[in-house]
C-alpha atoms as a PDB file:
ATOM      1  CA  MET A   1     -21.958  -2.493  -0.301  1.00  0.00           C
ATOM      2  CA  ALA A   2     -20.694  -3.106  -3.833  1.00  0.00           C
ATOM      3  CA  GLU A   3     -21.816  -6.752  -3.892  1.00  0.00           C
ATOM      4  CA  ASP A   4     -25.368  -5.431  -4.306  1.00  0.00           C
ATOM      5  CA  ARG A   5     -24.517  -3.492  -7.443  1.00  0.00           C
ATOM      6  CA  ASP A   6     -25.619  -4.790 -10.821  1.00  0.00           C
ATOM      7  CA  ASP A   7     -22.830  -6.427 -12.817  1.00  0.00           C
ATOM      8  CA  ALA A   8     -23.541  -3.906 -15.611  1.00  0.00           C
ATOM      9  CA  ALA A   9     -22.121  -1.221 -13.281  1.00  0.00           C
ATOM     10  CA  ARG A  10     -18.652  -2.752 -13.471  1.00  0.00           C
ATOM     11  CA  VAL A  11     -16.024  -1.164 -15.646  1.00  0.00           C
ATOM     12  CA  SER A  12     -12.735  -2.399 -17.014  1.00  0.00           C
ATOM     13  CA  VAL A  13      -9.759  -2.319 -14.693  1.00  0.00           C
ATOM     14  CA  ILE A  14      -7.171  -4.076 -16.832  1.00  0.00           C
ATOM     15  CA  HIS A  15      -4.608  -2.899 -19.399  1.00  0.00           C
ATOM     16  CA  GLU A  16      -3.355  -4.679 -22.483  1.00  0.00           C
ATOM     17  CA  PRO A  17       0.066  -6.316 -21.949  1.00  0.00           C
ATOM     18  CA  ASP A  18       2.910  -6.225 -24.404  1.00  0.00           C
ATOM     19  CA  GLY A  19       5.229  -9.175 -24.978  1.00  0.00           C
ATOM     20  CA  ASP A  20       7.802  -8.252 -22.303  1.00  0.00           C
ATOM     21  CA  PRO A  21       8.223 -11.141 -19.837  1.00  0.00           C
ATOM     22  CA  ALA A  22       8.482  -8.537 -17.030  1.00  0.00           C
ATOM     23  CA  TRP A  23       5.162  -6.892 -17.940  1.00  0.00           C
ATOM     24  CA  GLN A  24       2.898  -6.811 -14.899  1.00  0.00           C
ATOM     25  CA  GLU A  25      -0.244  -5.210 -13.556  1.00  0.00           C
ATOM     26  CA  SER A  26      -0.390  -4.583  -9.832  1.00  0.00           C
ATOM     27  CA  MET A  27      -2.387  -2.823  -7.147  1.00  0.00           C
ATOM     28  CA  ALA A  28      -1.669  -1.822  -3.554  1.00  0.00           C
ATOM     29  CA  PHE A  29      -4.064  -0.738  -0.813  1.00  0.00           C
ATOM     30  CA  VAL A  30      -3.688   0.783   2.656  1.00  0.00           C
ATOM     31  CA  PHE A  31      -6.573   1.447   5.030  1.00  0.00           C
ATOM     32  CA  CYS A  32      -7.357   2.469   8.595  1.00  0.00           C
ATOM     33  CA  ASP A  33     -10.261   3.123  10.935  1.00  0.00           C
ATOM     34  CA  LEU A  34      -8.783   4.874  13.955  1.00  0.00           C
ATOM     35  CA  ASP A  35     -11.993   4.587  15.969  1.00  0.00           C
ATOM     36  CA  ALA A  36     -12.276   0.809  15.437  1.00  0.00           C
ATOM     37  CA  ASP A  37      -8.511   0.340  15.804  1.00  0.00           C
ATOM     38  CA  VAL A  38      -8.085  -1.562  12.535  1.00  0.00           C
ATOM     39  CA  ALA A  39      -5.314  -0.927  10.040  1.00  0.00           C
ATOM     40  CA  GLY A  40      -3.669  -2.798   7.238  1.00  0.00           C
ATOM     41  CA  SER A  41      -2.295  -3.153   3.727  1.00  0.00           C
ATOM     42  CA  ALA A  42      -2.742  -5.472   0.787  1.00  0.00           C
ATOM     43  CA  ALA A  43      -1.161  -5.796  -2.624  1.00  0.00           C
ATOM     44  CA  PHE A  44      -0.819  -8.049  -5.605  1.00  0.00           C
ATOM     45  CA  GLY A  45       1.155  -8.242  -8.812  1.00  0.00           C
ATOM     46  CA  THR A  46       0.206 -10.213 -11.920  1.00  0.00           C
ATOM     47  CA  PHE A  47       3.037 -11.074 -14.310  1.00  0.00           C
ATOM     48  CA  VAL A  48       0.759 -11.943 -17.190  1.00  0.00           C
ATOM     49  CA  ASN A  49       3.332 -13.299 -19.663  1.00  0.00           C
ATOM     50  CA  ARG A  50       4.819 -15.561 -16.978  1.00  0.00           C
ATOM     51  CA  GLY A  51       1.450 -16.879 -15.834  1.00  0.00           C
ATOM     52  CA  ALA A  52       2.256 -16.157 -12.217  1.00  0.00           C
ATOM     53  CA  GLY A  53       1.845 -13.482  -9.599  1.00  0.00           C
ATOM     54  CA  LEU A  54       2.396 -12.495  -5.985  1.00  0.00           C
ATOM     55  CA  SER A  55       0.242 -11.211  -3.198  1.00  0.00           C
ATOM     56  CA  TRP A  56       0.602  -9.569   0.172  1.00  0.00           C
ATOM     57  CA  LEU A  57      -1.911  -9.169   3.029  1.00  0.00           C
ATOM     58  CA  GLY A  58      -1.296  -7.598   6.399  1.00  0.00           C
ATOM     59  CA  VAL A  59      -3.896  -6.382   8.901  1.00  0.00           C
ATOM     60  CA  ALA A  60      -4.216  -5.659  12.630  1.00  0.00           C
ATOM     61  CA  ALA A  61      -7.724  -5.676  14.109  1.00  0.00           C
ATOM     62  CA  GLY A  62      -9.309  -5.118  17.490  1.00  0.00           C
ATOM     63  CA  ARG A  63      -8.437  -3.193  20.597  1.00  0.00           C
ATOM     64  CA  ARG A  64      -5.041  -4.296  21.774  1.00  0.00           C
ATOM     65  CA  PRO A  65      -4.721  -7.088  22.569  1.00  0.00           C
ATOM     66  CA  GLY A  66      -6.259  -8.015  19.221  1.00  0.00           C
ATOM     67  CA  ALA A  67      -4.942 -10.013  16.313  1.00  0.00           C
ATOM     68  CA  VAL A  68      -2.489  -9.457  13.447  1.00  0.00           C
ATOM     69  CA  LEU A  69      -2.257 -11.338  10.168  1.00  0.00           C
ATOM     70  CA  GLN A  70       0.547 -11.061   7.611  1.00  0.00           C
ATOM     71  CA  ARG A  71       1.168 -13.264   4.592  1.00  0.00           C
ATOM     72  CA  SER A  72       3.508 -13.000   1.589  1.00  0.00           C
ATOM     73  CA  ARG A  73       2.857 -15.339  -1.321  1.00  0.00           C
ATOM     74  CA  ASN A  74       5.232 -15.482  -4.332  1.00  0.00           C
ATOM     75  CA  ASP A  75       5.083 -17.501  -7.528  1.00  0.00           C
ATOM     76  CA  VAL A  76       1.363 -18.034  -7.407  1.00  0.00           C
ATOM     77  CA  SER A  77      -0.151 -19.445 -10.628  1.00  0.00           C
ATOM     78  CA  LEU A  78      -2.640 -17.193 -12.391  1.00  0.00           C
ATOM     79  CA  VAL A  79      -6.094 -18.576 -13.249  1.00  0.00           C
ATOM     80  CA  ALA A  80      -8.706 -17.239 -15.679  1.00  0.00           C
ATOM     81  CA  SER A  81     -10.724 -15.459 -12.970  1.00  0.00           C
ATOM     82  CA  ASP A  82      -7.691 -13.456 -11.817  1.00  0.00           C
ATOM     83  CA  ARG A  83      -7.837 -11.183 -14.827  1.00  0.00           C
ATOM     84  CA  THR A  84     -11.198 -10.214 -16.302  1.00  0.00           C
ATOM     85  CA  ALA A  85     -12.420  -6.819 -17.498  1.00  0.00           C
ATOM     86  CA  ALA A  86     -13.558  -5.683 -14.056  1.00  0.00           C
ATOM     87  CA  ARG A  87     -11.600  -8.028 -11.741  1.00  0.00           C
ATOM     88  CA  LEU A  88      -7.875  -8.226 -11.081  1.00  0.00           C
ATOM     89  CA  GLY A  89      -5.801 -10.129  -8.532  1.00  0.00           C
ATOM     90  CA  VAL A  90      -4.057 -13.352  -7.653  1.00  0.00           C
ATOM     91  CA  GLY A  91      -4.428 -16.034  -5.028  1.00  0.00           C
ATOM     92  CA  GLY A  92      -6.602 -14.741  -2.188  1.00  0.00           C
ATOM     93  CA  VAL A  93      -6.370 -10.975  -2.954  1.00  0.00           C
ATOM     94  CA  HIS A  94      -8.582  -9.423  -5.651  1.00  0.00           C
ATOM     95  CA  TRP A  95     -10.055  -6.052  -6.658  1.00  0.00           C
ATOM     96  CA  GLU A  96     -13.484  -5.628  -8.351  1.00  0.00           C
ATOM     97  CA  GLN A  97     -13.885  -2.276 -10.107  1.00  0.00           C
ATOM     98  CA  HIS A  98     -17.283  -0.554 -10.405  1.00  0.00           C
ATOM     99  CA  ASP A  99     -18.254   2.748 -11.976  1.00  0.00           C
ATOM    100  CA  GLY A 100     -18.396   6.030 -10.139  1.00  0.00           C
ATOM    101  CA  GLY A 101     -14.957   5.628  -8.604  1.00  0.00           C
ATOM    102  CA  VAL A 102     -15.984   2.697  -6.434  1.00  0.00           C
ATOM    103  CA  GLY A 103     -14.372  -0.697  -6.054  1.00  0.00           C
ATOM    104  CA  VAL A 104     -14.089  -3.583  -3.638  1.00  0.00           C
ATOM    105  CA  LEU A 105     -11.021  -5.222  -2.147  1.00  0.00           C
ATOM    106  CA  ILE A 106     -11.702  -8.875  -1.379  1.00  0.00           C
ATOM    107  CA  ALA A 107      -9.079 -10.866   0.507  1.00  0.00           C
ATOM    108  CA  SER A 108      -9.126 -14.293   2.051  1.00  0.00           C
ATOM    109  CA  ASP A 109      -6.355 -16.127   3.793  1.00  0.00           C
ATOM    110  CA  GLU A 110      -5.765 -18.673   6.513  1.00  0.00           C
ATOM    111  CA  GLY A 111      -7.233 -16.881   9.530  1.00  0.00           C
ATOM    112  CA  ALA A 112      -8.437 -13.703   7.838  1.00  0.00           C
ATOM    113  CA  GLU A 113     -11.244 -12.326   5.621  1.00  0.00           C
ATOM    114  CA  LEU A 114     -11.613  -8.795   4.298  1.00  0.00           C
ATOM    115  CA  ARG A 115     -14.260  -7.109   2.200  1.00  0.00           C
ATOM    116  CA  LEU A 116     -13.709  -3.377   1.875  1.00  0.00           C
ATOM    117  CA  GLU A 117     -15.379  -0.885  -0.412  1.00  0.00           C
ATOM    118  CA  PHE A 118     -13.176   2.031  -1.555  1.00  0.00           C
ATOM    119  CA  ALA A 119     -14.920   5.168  -2.774  1.00  0.00           C
ATOM    120  CA  ASP A 120     -12.430   7.601  -4.420  1.00  0.00           C
ATOM    121  CA  ASP A 121     -12.214  11.193  -3.180  1.00  0.00           C
ATOM    122  CA  TYR A 122     -10.701  12.283  -6.549  1.00  0.00           C
ATOM    123  CA  PRO A 123      -9.796  10.632  -9.898  1.00  0.00           C
ATOM    124  CA  PRO A 124      -6.799   8.257  -9.893  1.00  0.00           C
ATOM    125  CA  THR A 125      -3.764  10.504 -10.402  1.00  0.00           C
ATOM    126  CA  PRO A 126      -0.326   9.688 -11.816  1.00  0.00           C
ATOM    127  CA  TRP A 127       2.336   9.687  -9.103  1.00  0.00           C
ATOM    128  CA  HIS A 128       4.866  11.379 -11.341  1.00  0.00           C
ATOM    129  CA  ASP A 129       5.287  13.146 -14.632  1.00  0.00           C
ATOM    130  CA  THR A 130       8.944  12.109 -14.801  1.00  0.00           C
ATOM    131  CA  GLN A 131      10.055  10.174 -17.828  1.00  0.00           C
ATOM    132  CA  GLY A 132      13.147   8.038 -17.885  1.00  0.00           C
ATOM    133  CA  GLU A 133      14.381   4.570 -18.651  1.00  0.00           C
ATOM    134  CA  SER A 134      14.714   3.547 -14.974  1.00  0.00           C
ATOM    135  CA  LEU A 135      11.139   4.466 -14.074  1.00  0.00           C
ATOM    136  CA  ASP A 136       9.835   2.866 -17.294  1.00  0.00           C
ATOM    137  CA  ARG A 137      11.229  -0.435 -16.050  1.00  0.00           C
ATOM    138  CA  LEU A 138       9.508  -0.020 -12.675  1.00  0.00           C
ATOM    139  CA  ALA A 139       6.154   1.568 -13.209  1.00  0.00           C
ATOM    140  CA  ALA A 140       5.604   2.981 -16.682  1.00  0.00           C
ATOM    141  CA  GLY A 141       1.906   3.400 -15.851  1.00  0.00           C
ATOM    142  CA  HIS A 142       0.921   4.338 -12.299  1.00  0.00           C
ATOM    143  CA  VAL A 143      -2.051   6.096 -10.664  1.00  0.00           C
ATOM    144  CA  GLU A 144      -3.161   6.578  -7.093  1.00  0.00           C
ATOM    145  CA  CYS A 145      -6.041   8.040  -5.039  1.00  0.00           C
ATOM    146  CA  SER A 146      -7.409   8.302  -1.523  1.00  0.00           C
ATOM    147  CA  GLY A 147     -10.971   7.744  -0.389  1.00  0.00           C
ATOM    148  CA  ARG A 148     -13.552   6.403   2.063  1.00  0.00           C
ATOM    149  CA  VAL A 149     -13.298   2.753   3.062  1.00  0.00           C
ATOM    150  CA  ARG A 150     -16.173   0.757   4.548  1.00  0.00           C
ATOM    151  CA  GLY A 151     -16.657  -2.963   5.108  1.00  0.00           C
ATOM    152  CA  SER A 152     -15.607  -5.743   7.377  1.00  0.00           C
ATOM    153  CA  VAL A 153     -12.404  -7.424   8.592  1.00  0.00           C
ATOM    154  CA  ARG A 154     -11.889 -10.672  10.421  1.00  0.00           C
ATOM    155  CA  VAL A 155      -8.501 -11.729  11.827  1.00  0.00           C
ATOM    156  CA  GLY A 156      -8.517 -14.913  13.837  1.00  0.00           C
ATOM    157  CA  GLU A 157     -11.429 -14.598  16.218  1.00  0.00           C
ATOM    158  CA  VAL A 158     -11.550 -10.806  15.962  1.00  0.00           C
ATOM    159  CA  GLU A 159     -14.242  -9.294  13.746  1.00  0.00           C
ATOM    160  CA  VAL A 160     -14.399  -5.535  13.057  1.00  0.00           C
ATOM    161  CA  THR A 161     -16.732  -3.270  11.070  1.00  0.00           C
ATOM    162  CA  VAL A 162     -14.667  -0.701   9.187  1.00  0.00           C
ATOM    163  CA  ASP A 163     -15.691   2.895   8.485  1.00  0.00           C
ATOM    164  CA  GLY A 164     -12.478   4.709   7.792  1.00  0.00           C
ATOM    165  CA  TRP A 165     -10.137   5.945   5.108  1.00  0.00           C
ATOM    166  CA  GLY A 166      -7.749   4.441   2.624  1.00  0.00           C
ATOM    167  CA  HIS A 167      -5.376   4.937  -0.304  1.00  0.00           C
ATOM    168  CA  ARG A 168      -4.859   2.694  -3.335  1.00  0.00           C
ATOM    169  CA  ASP A 169      -2.673   2.586  -6.410  1.00  0.00           C
ATOM    170  CA  GLN A 170      -2.447   0.714  -9.704  1.00  0.00           C
ATOM    171  CA  SER A 171       0.639   0.106 -11.868  1.00  0.00           C
ATOM    172  CA  TRP A 172       1.124  -1.552 -15.212  1.00  0.00           C
ATOM    173  CA  GLY A 173       4.029  -2.102 -17.560  1.00  0.00           C
ATOM    174  CA  PRO A 174       7.442  -3.889 -17.259  1.00  0.00           C
ATOM    175  CA  ARG A 175       8.701  -4.222 -13.706  1.00  0.00           C
ATOM    176  CA  SER A 176      12.261  -5.170 -12.777  1.00  0.00           C
ATOM    177  CA  THR A 177      12.309  -5.255  -8.990  1.00  0.00           C
ATOM    178  CA  SER A 178      16.050  -5.992  -8.934  1.00  0.00           C
ATOM    179  CA  ILE A 179      16.768  -2.348  -9.835  1.00  0.00           C
ATOM    180  CA  VAL A 180      15.271  -1.099  -6.544  1.00  0.00           C
ATOM    181  CA  ARG A 181      17.677  -0.510  -3.647  1.00  0.00           C
ATOM    182  CA  ASN A 182      15.717   1.607  -1.186  1.00  0.00           C
ATOM    183  CA  HIS A 183      12.445   3.432  -1.177  1.00  0.00           C
ATOM    184  CA  ARG A 184      10.127   5.201   1.243  1.00  0.00           C
ATOM    185  CA  TRP A 185       6.516   5.715   0.279  1.00  0.00           C
ATOM    186  CA  VAL A 186       4.144   7.527   2.644  1.00  0.00           C
ATOM    187  CA  ALA A 187       0.493   7.468   1.558  1.00  0.00           C
ATOM    188  CA  GLY A 188      -2.720   8.040   3.450  1.00  0.00           C
ATOM    189  CA  SER A 189      -5.616  10.313   4.229  1.00  0.00           C
ATOM    190  CA  CYS A 190      -6.972  12.805   6.741  1.00  0.00           C
ATOM    191  CA  GLY A 191     -10.320  12.674   4.980  1.00  0.00           C
ATOM    192  CA  PRO A 192     -11.366  14.821   1.982  1.00  0.00           C
ATOM    193  CA  ARG A 193      -9.392  17.816   3.364  1.00  0.00           C
ATOM    194  CA  LEU A 194      -6.115  16.004   2.717  1.00  0.00           C
ATOM    195  CA  GLY A 195      -5.085  12.897   0.804  1.00  0.00           C
ATOM    196  CA  PHE A 196      -1.394  12.449   0.050  1.00  0.00           C
ATOM    197  CA  SER A 197       1.278  10.299  -1.507  1.00  0.00           C
ATOM    198  CA  THR A 198       5.014  10.966  -1.167  1.00  0.00           C
ATOM    199  CA  GLU A 199       7.756   8.812  -2.688  1.00  0.00           C
ATOM    200  CA  ALA A 200      11.557   8.747  -2.406  1.00  0.00           C
ATOM    201  CA  LEU A 201      13.108   6.097  -4.635  1.00  0.00           C
ATOM    202  CA  HIS A 202      16.719   5.014  -4.859  1.00  0.00           C
ATOM    203  CA  LEU A 203      17.676   2.694  -7.775  1.00  0.00           C
ATOM    204  CA  ALA A 204      20.656   0.444  -8.383  1.00  0.00           C
ATOM    205  CA  ASP A 205      22.183   2.809 -10.967  1.00  0.00           C
ATOM    206  CA  GLY A 206      22.325   5.544  -8.335  1.00  0.00           C
ATOM    207  CA  THR A 207      19.232   7.377  -9.595  1.00  0.00           C
ATOM    208  CA  VAL A 208      17.277   9.068  -6.812  1.00  0.00           C
ATOM    209  CA  VAL A 209      13.810  10.322  -7.588  1.00  0.00           C
ATOM    210  CA  THR A 210      11.306  12.032  -5.296  1.00  0.00           C
ATOM    211  CA  MET A 211       7.716  12.665  -6.304  1.00  0.00           C
ATOM    212  CA  GLY A 212       4.144  12.839  -5.009  1.00  0.00           C
ATOM    213  CA  PHE A 213       1.085  14.999  -4.553  1.00  0.00           C
ATOM    214  CA  VAL A 214      -1.558  16.143  -2.086  1.00  0.00           C
ATOM    215  CA  ALA A 215      -5.267  16.391  -2.716  1.00  0.00           C
ATOM    216  CA  ARG A 216      -7.538  18.822  -0.897  1.00  0.00           C
ATOM    217  CA  ASP A 217     -11.258  18.570  -1.434  1.00  0.00           C
ATOM    218  CA  GLY A 218     -10.546  16.889  -4.781  1.00  0.00           C
ATOM    219  CA  VAL A 219      -7.956  19.419  -5.973  1.00  0.00           C
ATOM    220  CA  VAL A 220      -4.579  17.818  -6.669  1.00  0.00           C
ATOM    221  CA  VAL A 221      -1.269  19.689  -6.301  1.00  0.00           C
ATOM    222  CA  ARG A 222       2.079  18.027  -7.157  1.00  0.00           C
ATOM    223  CA  SER A 223       5.179  18.052  -5.054  1.00  0.00           C
ATOM    224  CA  THR A 224       8.539  19.476  -6.166  1.00  0.00           C
ATOM    225  CA  GLU A 225      10.521  18.064  -3.244  1.00  0.00           C
ATOM    226  CA  VAL A 226       9.967  15.171  -0.819  1.00  0.00           C
ATOM    227  CA  SER A 227      12.074  14.197   2.185  1.00  0.00           C
ATOM    228  CA  THR A 228      10.948  11.289   4.356  1.00  0.00           C
ATOM    229  CA  LEU A 229      12.826  10.797   7.617  1.00  0.00           C
ATOM    230  CA  VAL A 230      12.483   7.552   9.544  1.00  0.00           C
ATOM    231  CA  THR A 231      13.633   6.728  13.039  1.00  0.00           C
ATOM    232  CA  LEU A 232      14.586   3.029  13.139  1.00  0.00           C
ATOM    233  CA  ASP A 233      15.115   0.677  16.040  1.00  0.00           C
ATOM    234  CA  HIS A 234      18.482  -1.086  16.245  1.00  0.00           C
ATOM    235  CA  ASP A 235      17.265  -3.947  14.042  1.00  0.00           C
ATOM    236  CA  GLY A 236      17.496  -1.453  11.141  1.00  0.00           C
ATOM    237  CA  LEU A 237      13.938  -2.296  10.084  1.00  0.00           C
ATOM    238  CA  THR A 238      11.367  -1.319  12.744  1.00  0.00           C
ATOM    239  CA  PRO A 239      10.115   2.280  12.283  1.00  0.00           C
ATOM    240  CA  ARG A 240       9.415   3.997  15.608  1.00  0.00           C
ATOM    241  CA  ARG A 241       8.449   7.300  14.005  1.00  0.00           C
ATOM    242  CA  PHE A 242       8.483   8.925  10.611  1.00  0.00           C
ATOM    243  CA  GLU A 243       8.051  12.363   9.060  1.00  0.00           C
ATOM    244  CA  SER A 244       7.423  13.281   5.448  1.00  0.00           C
ATOM    245  CA  ARG A 245       8.259  16.836   4.408  1.00  0.00           C
ATOM    246  CA  VAL A 246       6.691  17.984   1.136  1.00  0.00           C
ATOM    247  CA  ARG A 247       7.237  21.154  -0.906  1.00  0.00           C
ATOM    248  CA  LEU A 248       4.411  21.740  -3.387  1.00  0.00           C
ATOM    249  CA  GLU A 249       4.402  23.450  -6.763  1.00  0.00           C
ATOM    250  CA  THR A 250       2.690  26.362  -5.112  1.00  0.00           C
ATOM    251  CA  GLY A 251       5.709  26.851  -2.814  1.00  0.00           C
ATOM    252  CA  GLU A 252       3.763  25.699   0.226  1.00  0.00           C
ATOM    253  CA  GLU A 253       5.477  23.235   2.583  1.00  0.00           C
ATOM    254  CA  LEU A 254       3.663  20.483   4.543  1.00  0.00           C
ATOM    255  CA  THR A 255       4.936  18.086   7.160  1.00  0.00           C
ATOM    256  CA  ILE A 256       3.137  14.790   7.835  1.00  0.00           C
ATOM    257  CA  THR A 257       4.268  13.326  11.168  1.00  0.00           C
ATOM    258  CA  SER A 258       3.496   9.977  12.762  1.00  0.00           C
ATOM    259  CA  GLU A 259       1.953  10.181  16.222  1.00  0.00           C
ATOM    260  CA  GLU A 260       1.549   6.468  16.933  1.00  0.00           C
ATOM    261  CA  ILE A 261       2.662   3.378  14.996  1.00  0.00           C
ATOM    262  CA  LEU A 262      -0.453   1.178  14.947  1.00  0.00           C
ATOM    263  CA  VAL A 263       1.170  -1.915  13.414  1.00  0.00           C
ATOM    264  CA  CYS A 264       4.473  -2.946  11.861  1.00  0.00           C
ATOM    265  CA  LEU A 265       4.220  -5.582   9.110  1.00  0.00           C
ATOM    266  CA  PHE A 266       6.995  -7.466   7.264  1.00  0.00           C
ATOM    267  CA  ASN A 267       6.724  -8.854   3.750  1.00  0.00           C
ATOM    268  CA  HIS A 268       8.989 -10.077   1.052  1.00  0.00           C
ATOM    269  CA  ARG A 269       8.213  -9.764  -2.668  1.00  0.00           C
ATOM    270  CA  ASP A 270      10.707 -11.577  -4.867  1.00  0.00           C
ATOM    271  CA  PRO A 271      14.090 -10.206  -3.742  1.00  0.00           C
ATOM    272  CA  LEU A 272      12.613  -7.187  -1.916  1.00  0.00           C
ATOM    273  CA  VAL A 273      12.391  -6.985   1.875  1.00  0.00           C
ATOM    274  CA  ALA A 274       9.670  -4.488   2.835  1.00  0.00           C
ATOM    275  CA  ILE A 275       8.052  -2.993   5.896  1.00  0.00           C
ATOM    276  CA  ASP A 276       4.599  -1.477   6.195  1.00  0.00           C
ATOM    277  CA  ALA A 277       4.194   0.760   9.271  1.00  0.00           C
ATOM    278  CA  VAL A 278       0.621   2.025   9.534  1.00  0.00           C
ATOM    279  CA  ALA A 279       0.366   5.001  11.823  1.00  0.00           C
ATOM    280  CA  ARG A 280      -1.855   7.694  13.197  1.00  0.00           C
ATOM    281  CA  VAL A 281      -0.510  10.907  11.688  1.00  0.00           C
ATOM    282  CA  ARG A 282      -0.926  14.644  11.970  1.00  0.00           C
ATOM    283  CA  CYS A 283      -0.545  17.431   9.396  1.00  0.00           C
ATOM    284  CA  GLY A 284      -1.151  20.817  10.974  1.00  0.00           C
ATOM    285  CA  ASP A 285      -4.577  20.610  12.615  1.00  0.00           C
ATOM    286  CA  LEU A 286      -5.556  17.514  10.628  1.00  0.00           C
ATOM    287  CA  VAL A 287      -5.376  14.002  12.056  1.00  0.00           C
ATOM    288  CA  GLY A 288      -5.548  10.848   9.950  1.00  0.00           C
ATOM    289  CA  PHE A 289      -3.526   7.819   8.995  1.00  0.00           C
ATOM    290  CA  ALA A 290      -0.602   6.957   6.720  1.00  0.00           C
ATOM    291  CA  ASP A 291       1.274   3.864   5.709  1.00  0.00           C
ATOM    292  CA  LEU A 292       5.058   4.053   5.558  1.00  0.00           C
ATOM    293  CA  ASN A 293       6.071   1.421   2.971  1.00  0.00           C
ATOM    294  CA  MET A 294       9.817   1.062   3.213  1.00  0.00           C
ATOM    295  CA  ILE A 295      12.197  -1.106   1.253  1.00  0.00           C
ATOM    296  CA  ALA A 296      15.727  -1.553   2.585  1.00  0.00           C
ATOM    297  CA  ASN A 297      17.552  -3.505  -0.091  1.00  0.00           C
ATOM    298  CA  PRO A 298      21.229  -2.435  -0.203  1.00  0.00           C
ATOM    299  CA  GLN A 299      22.360  -6.037  -0.686  1.00  0.00           C
ATOM    300  CA  ALA A 300      19.947  -6.661  -3.579  1.00  0.00           C
ATOM    301  CA  GLY A 301      17.923  -9.206  -1.675  1.00  0.00           C
ATOM    302  CA  THR A 302      20.743 -11.686  -1.211  1.00  0.00           C
ATOM    303  CA  SER A 303      19.566 -12.562   2.317  1.00  0.00           C
ATOM    304  CA  LEU A 304      16.567 -12.052   4.617  1.00  0.00           C
ATOM    305  CA  PRO A 305      16.771 -10.230   7.957  1.00  0.00           C
ATOM    306  CA  SER A 306      17.137 -12.216  11.177  1.00  0.00           C
ATOM    307  CA  ARG A 307      14.981 -10.108  13.519  1.00  0.00           C
ATOM    308  CA  LEU A 308      12.126  -7.611  13.495  1.00  0.00           C
ATOM    309  CA  LEU A 309      11.750  -5.972  16.904  1.00  0.00           C
ATOM    310  CA  GLY A 310       8.454  -4.251  16.139  1.00  0.00           C
ATOM    311  CA  GLY A 311       6.695  -7.286  14.707  1.00  0.00           C
ATOM    312  CA  SER A 312       7.321 -10.764  13.329  1.00  0.00           C
ATOM    313  CA  LEU A 313       9.144 -12.148  10.344  1.00  0.00           C
ATOM    314  CA  GLU A 314       6.784 -15.135  10.243  1.00  0.00           C
ATOM    315  CA  ASP A 315       3.658 -15.348   8.128  1.00  0.00           C
ATOM    316  CA  GLY A 316       0.359 -16.129   9.866  1.00  0.00           C
ATOM    317  CA  VAL A 317      -1.911 -14.867  12.650  1.00  0.00           C
ATOM    318  CA  ARG A 318      -0.489 -13.660  15.947  1.00  0.00           C
ATOM    319  CA  ALA A 319      -1.645 -11.755  18.998  1.00  0.00           C
ATOM    320  CA  ARG A 320      -1.512  -8.009  18.725  1.00  0.00           C
ATOM    321  CA  THR A 321       0.780  -6.841  21.516  1.00  0.00           C
ATOM    322  CA  PRO A 322       2.286  -3.499  22.572  1.00  0.00           C
ATOM    323  CA  ALA A 323       5.457  -4.464  20.683  1.00  0.00           C
ATOM    324  CA  THR A 324       3.521  -4.172  17.406  1.00  0.00           C
ATOM    325  CA  GLY A 325       1.841  -0.885  18.392  1.00  0.00           C
ATOM    326  CA  THR A 326       4.539   1.263  19.924  1.00  0.00           C
ATOM    327  CA  VAL A 327       3.651   4.787  20.929  1.00  0.00           C
ATOM    328  CA  CYS A 328       6.161   7.140  19.327  1.00  0.00           C
END
C-alpha cells in the first residue's frame, strides 16, 4: 500500500489559485469491487480564497444486508494540512498523490473508515476540449482517469477488503455551482479493456454540452455525442436503470447499460441536490461498474426533496436493504 512508500515519492497535486473568490480545487472518486459487494463515491472541494470547503462520502459495504454510510459536509474550514504539495482535501476526506500514477484516498467519518489506493490505467485526461465562458466558470481545468483500486473499507461493523476498479477526477479554477441546472455523469471501468466518462450538462443560460471519452488498454478516444437515459421512480430522484450511449470520433457507437443498481446515495453540495447510483454495468461482452452522478436542479436549489425511495435523505450509517440495491 502507498503508506509504505517513501515521502520522496510524492509529487505535487495542487494548482496555484488566482484571486477569484470562487476559485476552487476539487476531486471526485467512484469505486467498486463486485466480488466483495462494496461500492461508493467520495468528493471534496476546497475554495481556497474563502478558507472553506465541502466534502461528500458515500459507501455501501458487505453482502446485503450490510451497511451504508452517506455524509454531506458544507462550509468546512480549511486547515494547513488540507492543502500541501502532495495532499489535498478537507474535513475527513483527503487524497495523497504519489509518483507513477498512484495515489491514496483516505476518508474518515462517524461510522466509516476508508483507505484506498488508486493506480491509474492511463494518464489523467481532460474531459473536454470545449472552450466557453460557461464551462470556464464551472471547471476551467479538469482531468479524469480510471484504474485499479485496492485497500480497505469499514462501515459500521462491516469491514471489507477491496480489490476492484475505480475512476477519479480533479478540477481547478472558478466554480459557480448556481449555473448548473441538470447534469448526468456516467463514469466507471470494466478493467483495462474499457474505462469511460460521459457527461451531459445543462446550464442556467440554456447551454447544453455533452462530452466524454473511452480508454481501451490505455488508448483514449473522445466522444462526439453522448446521450444518457435514466429511468426514475416516482420520487423523481431514484434511478432504477440507466443507459449511456456514446458516439466516438472514430464513428463507433457504444452503449453502457446498468444491470443492477448496487446503491443509491443522496448528497447536497451548496445549492445542488445530487444522486450517486453505483451499478453493475455491461458494455458488449464486458462487465464492470459505473456511477451515475445526477443533479436535478430545475429550481436552482431553492428547496430540498422530501423523499428518496431508493435510499435515505439523512446523513449517517444505516442498514443496507433491498430498497437500496434494487435489481433493474
